[in-house]
Amino acid sequence: MTPEEKAPSGASDRKVTTQSLRRMKERGEPISALTAYDFLMAELLDQAGVDVILVGDSAAMTVQGLDTTVSVTMEQMLYHAEVVARAAERALVVADLPFMSYQVNPDEALHNAGRMIKETHVEAVKLEGGERMCPAVEHIVEVGIPVMGHLGLTPQSIHKFGTYQVRARDPEEADQIRRDARALQDAGVFAIVLEKIPAKLAAEISKDLDVPTIGIGAGGGCDGQILVTHDMLGLYTRFHPRFVRRYEKLDELMRSAFERYVADVRSRDFPSEDESY
């Protein structure tokens, strides 16, 4: 496959790094990010020119059929990360550290981040939380592992929040997120995901920081955008957040194909002579 085929729509075929994301922010060039959990999906995203592929703990919902991200394990994330990293040639591959793999203490956080990098060959890890997570971030970054932060609605804390509603509508929580964002930058993160916070606040934080922000339900003022791939393809339809733009309705296309196959098998139309040896 040629570089031209791999990088459509003006995307460079040059390998995306944490530093190139910083340069994209400086140039005002939006960063595109999507999730992947398997080789084929990651290969397609990479060929489409996506800048960042996140191996999200959202695999708990899109792949495992669970209601939250809390139950996904370190071993499961290592598996998904390894197959995704094997497929991506251009995109920066970031993997979520799952719940309770980094919250206990900085040493355990470093151990699990090290496993993720060494065993799967992803290029960075992501963790949720603000000031309280900064000692862990510093410990991980200190040994050369890039860390992406995540503020606002943090899905691993869903049992604390009790809802997936927008965060930081009140001034106190908004001020805390501002402090958290600055603290994470000072701790050494290379980027921060801002999830489901008011667009005005996200734009203000993005302007204040030197590191890129990646928004999800946080408006167009962020330096980049991310969606769960299964959401934007219309594959995961249990709920439809306001911020998700569905680019296809693959659930309908796939269901139709499966139904046609079943009908062809039952009518003995498949396989035909041309499809037999």
Protein backbone atom coordinates (compact mmCIF):
# COMPACT_ATOMS: atom_id res chain seq x y z
CA MET A 1 0.00 0.00 0.00
CA THR A 2 1.36 3.39 -0.97
CA PRO A 3 1.67 6.39 1.41
CA GLU A 4 -0.98 8.14 -0.68
CA GLU A 5 -3.44 5.32 0.03
CA LYS A 6 -2.62 5.39 3.74
CA ALA A 7 -3.02 9.12 4.25
CA PRO A 8 -6.04 10.56 2.44
CA SER A 9 -7.55 14.01 2.80
CA GLY A 10 -4.22 15.78 3.10
CA ALA A 11 -2.98 13.76 6.09
CA SER A 12 0.77 13.29 6.21
CA ASP A 13 2.11 9.73 6.07
CA ARG A 14 4.73 10.72 8.65
CA LYS A 15 4.50 8.87 11.97
CA VAL A 16 2.45 10.75 14.57
CA THR A 17 4.24 11.30 17.89
CA THR A 18 3.49 13.14 21.10
CA GLN A 19 5.67 15.97 19.83
CA SER A 20 3.90 16.20 16.50
CA LEU A 21 0.60 16.58 18.39
CA ARG A 22 2.13 19.54 20.21
CA ARG A 23 3.16 21.06 16.88
CA MET A 24 -0.35 20.51 15.51
CA LYS A 25 -1.74 22.53 18.42
CA GLU A 26 0.78 25.30 17.76
CA ARG A 27 -0.25 25.41 14.08
CA GLY A 28 -3.94 25.34 14.94
CA GLU A 29 -4.32 22.02 13.10
CA PRO A 30 -7.14 19.89 14.59
CA ILE A 31 -6.23 16.45 15.92
CA SER A 32 -8.45 13.49 15.00
CA ALA A 33 -8.78 10.54 17.37
CA LEU A 34 -10.94 7.41 17.47
CA THR A 35 -11.01 4.17 19.46
CA ALA A 36 -10.07 0.66 18.39
CA TYR A 37 -9.97 -2.71 20.12
CA ASP A 38 -8.94 -5.09 17.32
CA PHE A 39 -6.49 -5.36 14.43
CA LEU A 40 -8.90 -4.80 11.54
CA MET A 41 -10.51 -1.69 13.00
CA ALA A 42 -7.13 -0.21 13.89
CA GLU A 43 -5.80 -0.90 10.39
CA LEU A 44 -8.76 0.88 8.81
CA LEU A 45 -8.43 3.88 11.13
CA ASP A 46 -4.72 4.10 10.39
CA GLN A 47 -5.29 3.98 6.64
CA ALA A 48 -7.95 6.69 6.94
CA GLY A 49 -5.43 9.11 8.44
CA VAL A 50 -6.64 9.18 12.06
CA ASP A 51 -3.95 10.86 14.18
CA VAL A 52 -4.51 9.08 17.49
CA ILE A 53 -5.94 5.61 18.08
CA LEU A 54 -7.09 5.07 21.65
CA VAL A 55 -7.37 1.53 22.91
CA GLY A 56 -10.18 2.52 25.24
CA ASP A 57 -11.49 0.77 28.32
CA SER A 58 -14.80 1.40 26.55
CA ALA A 59 -14.09 -2.10 25.23
CA ALA A 60 -15.97 -3.17 28.36
CA MET A 61 -19.14 -1.81 26.79
CA THR A 62 -18.61 -2.11 23.02
CA VAL A 63 -16.90 -5.52 23.04
CA GLN A 64 -17.87 -7.19 26.32
CA GLY A 65 -21.44 -5.89 26.63
CA LEU A 66 -20.99 -4.48 30.14
CA ASP A 67 -22.73 -1.37 31.46
CA THR A 68 -19.61 0.51 32.61
CA THR A 69 -15.85 0.56 32.06
CA VAL A 70 -15.13 -0.34 35.69
CA SER A 71 -14.88 -4.13 35.26
CA VAL A 72 -12.37 -4.35 32.42
CA THR A 73 -9.09 -5.88 33.61
CA MET A 74 -5.43 -5.15 33.01
CA GLU A 75 -4.98 -8.45 31.17
CA GLN A 76 -7.91 -7.68 28.86
CA MET A 77 -6.53 -4.22 28.09
CA LEU A 78 -3.09 -5.69 27.38
CA TYR A 79 -4.67 -8.05 24.86
CA HIS A 80 -6.63 -5.34 23.04
CA ALA A 81 -3.66 -2.94 23.06
CA GLU A 82 -1.28 -5.50 21.59
CA VAL A 83 -3.45 -6.32 18.58
CA VAL A 84 -4.21 -2.65 17.90
CA ALA A 85 -0.56 -1.60 18.13
CA ARG A 86 0.37 -4.33 15.65
CA ALA A 87 -1.93 -2.78 13.04
CA ALA A 88 -1.10 0.93 13.31
CA GLU A 89 1.80 2.31 11.30
CA ARG A 90 1.11 6.07 11.24
CA ALA A 91 -1.20 6.87 14.15
CA LEU A 92 -0.06 7.39 17.71
CA VAL A 93 -1.47 4.49 19.75
CA VAL A 94 -2.55 5.26 23.32
CA ALA A 95 -3.97 2.68 25.73
CA ASP A 96 -6.23 3.25 28.72
CA LEU A 97 -4.97 2.04 32.06
CA PRO A 98 -8.02 0.31 33.55
CA PHE A 99 -9.70 1.03 36.87
CA MET A 100 -7.52 0.26 39.92
CA SER A 101 -4.37 -0.29 37.85
CA TYR A 102 -2.97 3.15 38.76
CA GLN A 103 -5.03 4.60 41.62
CA VAL A 104 -3.46 2.64 44.50
CA ASN A 105 -0.01 4.25 44.50
CA PRO A 106 2.54 5.69 42.03
CA ASP A 107 4.71 2.57 42.07
CA GLU A 108 1.85 0.32 41.03
CA ALA A 109 0.84 2.87 38.40
CA LEU A 110 4.38 2.82 37.00
CA HIS A 111 4.47 -0.98 37.01
CA ASN A 112 1.24 -1.27 35.03
CA ALA A 113 2.14 1.56 32.64
CA GLY A 114 5.46 -0.19 32.03
CA ARG A 115 3.69 -3.47 31.28
CA MET A 116 1.40 -1.71 28.83
CA ILE A 117 4.27 -0.14 26.92
CA LYS A 118 6.63 -3.13 27.02
CA GLU A 119 4.20 -5.96 26.38
CA THR A 120 1.92 -4.33 23.81
CA HIS A 121 4.16 -1.78 22.02
CA VAL A 122 1.66 1.06 22.34
CA GLU A 123 3.34 4.44 22.59
CA ALA A 124 1.50 6.07 25.49
CA VAL A 125 -0.99 5.42 28.28
CA LYS A 126 -4.05 7.34 29.44
CA LEU A 127 -5.39 7.68 32.96
CA GLU A 128 -8.27 9.56 34.55
CA GLY A 129 -8.18 12.19 37.29
CA GLY A 130 -6.63 15.52 38.19
CA GLU A 131 -4.42 16.77 41.01
CA ARG A 132 -4.69 13.54 43.01
CA MET A 133 -3.24 11.57 40.09
CA CYS A 134 -0.29 13.90 39.53
CA PRO A 135 2.21 11.90 41.66
CA ALA A 136 1.44 8.84 39.52
CA VAL A 137 1.74 10.86 36.31
CA GLU A 138 5.09 12.28 37.37
CA HIS A 139 6.38 8.82 38.33
CA ILE A 140 5.39 7.36 34.96
CA VAL A 141 6.65 10.27 32.87
CA GLU A 142 9.94 10.30 34.78
CA VAL A 143 10.95 6.96 33.25
CA GLY A 144 10.03 8.04 29.72
CA ILE A 145 6.46 6.79 29.32
CA PRO A 146 4.13 9.40 27.78
CA VAL A 147 0.87 9.97 29.66
CA MET A 148 -2.41 11.41 28.42
CA GLY A 149 -4.75 12.85 31.06
CA HIS A 150 -8.55 12.74 31.21
CA LEU A 151 -10.79 15.26 32.99
CA GLY A 152 -14.48 16.13 33.22
CA LEU A 153 -16.73 13.12 33.02
CA THR A 154 -14.38 10.29 33.98
CA PRO A 155 -16.21 7.00 33.27
CA GLN A 156 -14.19 4.97 35.79
CA SER A 157 -15.77 7.16 38.50
CA ILE A 158 -19.34 6.61 37.31
CA HIS A 159 -20.41 5.08 40.63
CA LYS A 160 -19.26 8.26 42.36
CA PHE A 161 -21.05 10.55 39.89
CA GLY A 162 -24.10 8.31 39.59
CA THR A 163 -24.84 9.71 36.12
CA TYR A 164 -23.28 10.43 32.73
CA GLN A 165 -24.51 14.02 32.75
CA VAL A 166 -22.35 17.02 31.87
CA ARG A 167 -19.75 17.91 34.49
CA ALA A 168 -18.53 21.33 35.69
CA ARG A 169 -21.69 23.32 35.19
CA ASP A 170 -21.25 24.90 38.61
CA PRO A 171 -18.38 27.38 39.18
CA GLU A 172 -16.72 25.32 41.92
CA GLU A 173 -16.32 22.20 39.82
CA ALA A 174 -15.28 24.29 36.80
CA ASP A 175 -12.52 25.91 38.88
CA GLN A 176 -11.37 22.47 40.03
CA ILE A 177 -11.10 21.25 36.45
CA ARG A 178 -9.06 24.33 35.56
CA ARG A 179 -6.69 23.53 38.44
CA ASP A 180 -6.59 19.87 37.48
CA ALA A 181 -5.71 20.67 33.87
CA ARG A 182 -2.87 22.97 34.88
CA ALA A 183 -1.62 20.43 37.44
CA LEU A 184 -1.62 17.62 34.88
CA GLN A 185 0.33 19.76 32.44
CA ASP A 186 2.87 20.60 35.15
CA ALA A 187 3.10 16.87 35.99
CA GLY A 188 4.13 16.16 32.39
CA VAL A 189 1.14 14.90 30.41
CA PHE A 190 1.42 15.35 26.64
CA ALA A 191 -2.34 15.86 26.12
CA ILE A 192 -5.62 15.91 28.04
CA VAL A 193 -9.01 14.49 27.10
CA LEU A 194 -11.85 16.79 28.17
CA GLU A 195 -15.09 14.85 28.36
CA LYS A 196 -18.59 16.26 28.61
CA ILE A 197 -17.87 19.69 30.05
CA PRO A 198 -19.32 23.03 28.85
CA ALA A 199 -17.84 24.14 25.52
CA LYS A 200 -16.90 27.56 26.89
CA LEU A 201 -14.90 26.02 29.74
CA ALA A 202 -13.18 23.55 27.41
CA ALA A 203 -12.18 26.34 25.02
CA GLU A 204 -10.83 28.40 27.91
CA ILE A 205 -8.75 25.48 29.21
CA SER A 206 -7.49 24.69 25.71
CA LYS A 207 -6.34 28.25 25.23
CA ASP A 208 -4.64 28.30 28.64
CA LEU A 209 -2.64 25.11 28.17
CA ASP A 210 0.46 24.45 26.08
CA VAL A 211 -0.44 20.76 25.65
CA PRO A 212 -3.24 19.72 23.30
CA THR A 213 -6.77 19.03 24.51
CA ILE A 214 -8.89 16.33 22.93
CA GLY A 215 -12.61 16.91 23.33
CA ILE A 216 -15.49 14.49 23.56
CA GLY A 217 -18.75 16.29 24.14
CA ALA A 218 -16.76 19.41 25.00
CA GLY A 219 -17.36 21.61 21.96
CA GLY A 220 -15.26 22.76 19.04
CA GLY A 221 -12.80 24.85 21.03
CA CYS A 222 -10.59 21.88 21.89
CA ASP A 223 -7.43 21.13 19.91
CA GLY A 224 -8.82 17.82 18.72
CA GLN A 225 -11.81 15.50 18.91
CA ILE A 226 -12.36 11.88 19.82
CA LEU A 227 -15.35 9.56 19.55
CA VAL A 228 -15.90 5.90 20.31
CA THR A 229 -15.71 4.32 16.86
CA HIS A 230 -18.60 1.97 17.53
CA ASP A 231 -20.75 5.01 18.35
CA MET A 232 -19.94 7.04 15.25
CA LEU A 233 -20.45 3.99 13.01
CA GLY A 234 -23.85 3.28 14.54
CA LEU A 235 -22.73 -0.12 15.81
CA TYR A 236 -23.30 0.61 19.50
CA THR A 237 -26.87 1.81 19.83
CA ARG A 238 -27.84 1.24 23.46
CA PHE A 239 -27.76 4.97 23.91
CA HIS A 240 -27.05 7.96 21.67
CA PRO A 241 -25.24 10.82 23.42
CA ARG A 242 -25.91 14.27 22.03
CA PHE A 243 -22.23 14.72 21.13
CA VAL A 244 -22.06 11.63 18.89
CA ARG A 245 -22.43 12.23 15.17
CA ARG A 246 -23.35 8.94 13.52
CA TYR A 247 -21.57 8.78 10.18
CA GLU A 248 -23.11 5.44 9.25
CA LYS A 249 -25.80 3.04 10.45
CA LEU A 250 -23.72 -0.10 10.23
CA ASP A 251 -26.00 -1.96 12.63
CA GLU A 252 -28.74 -1.89 9.97
CA LEU A 253 -26.39 -2.84 7.12
CA MET A 254 -24.88 -5.73 9.08
CA ARG A 255 -28.21 -7.04 10.34
CA SER A 256 -29.54 -7.01 6.77
CA ALA A 257 -26.50 -8.93 5.51
CA PHE A 258 -26.85 -11.53 8.25
CA GLU A 259 -30.55 -11.96 7.53
CA ARG A 260 -29.88 -12.42 3.80
CA TYR A 261 -27.22 -15.03 4.58
CA VAL A 262 -29.56 -16.96 6.87
CA ALA A 263 -32.27 -16.86 4.21
CA ASP A 264 -29.87 -18.07 1.49
CA VAL A 265 -28.64 -20.96 3.64
CA ARG A 266 -32.18 -22.03 4.54
CA SER A 267 -33.32 -21.87 0.91
CA ARG A 268 -30.16 -23.74 -0.20
CA ASP A 269 -29.32 -20.81 -2.49
CA PHE A 270 -25.91 -20.69 -0.75
CA PRO A 271 -23.50 -22.13 -1.66
CA SER A 272 -23.93 -22.17 -5.42
CA GLU A 273 -21.95 -24.33 -7.83
CA ASP A 274 -19.53 -21.43 -8.40
CA GLU A 275 -18.98 -21.25 -4.62
CA SER A 276 -18.23 -24.94 -4.29
CA TYR A 277 -15.18 -27.10 -5.08
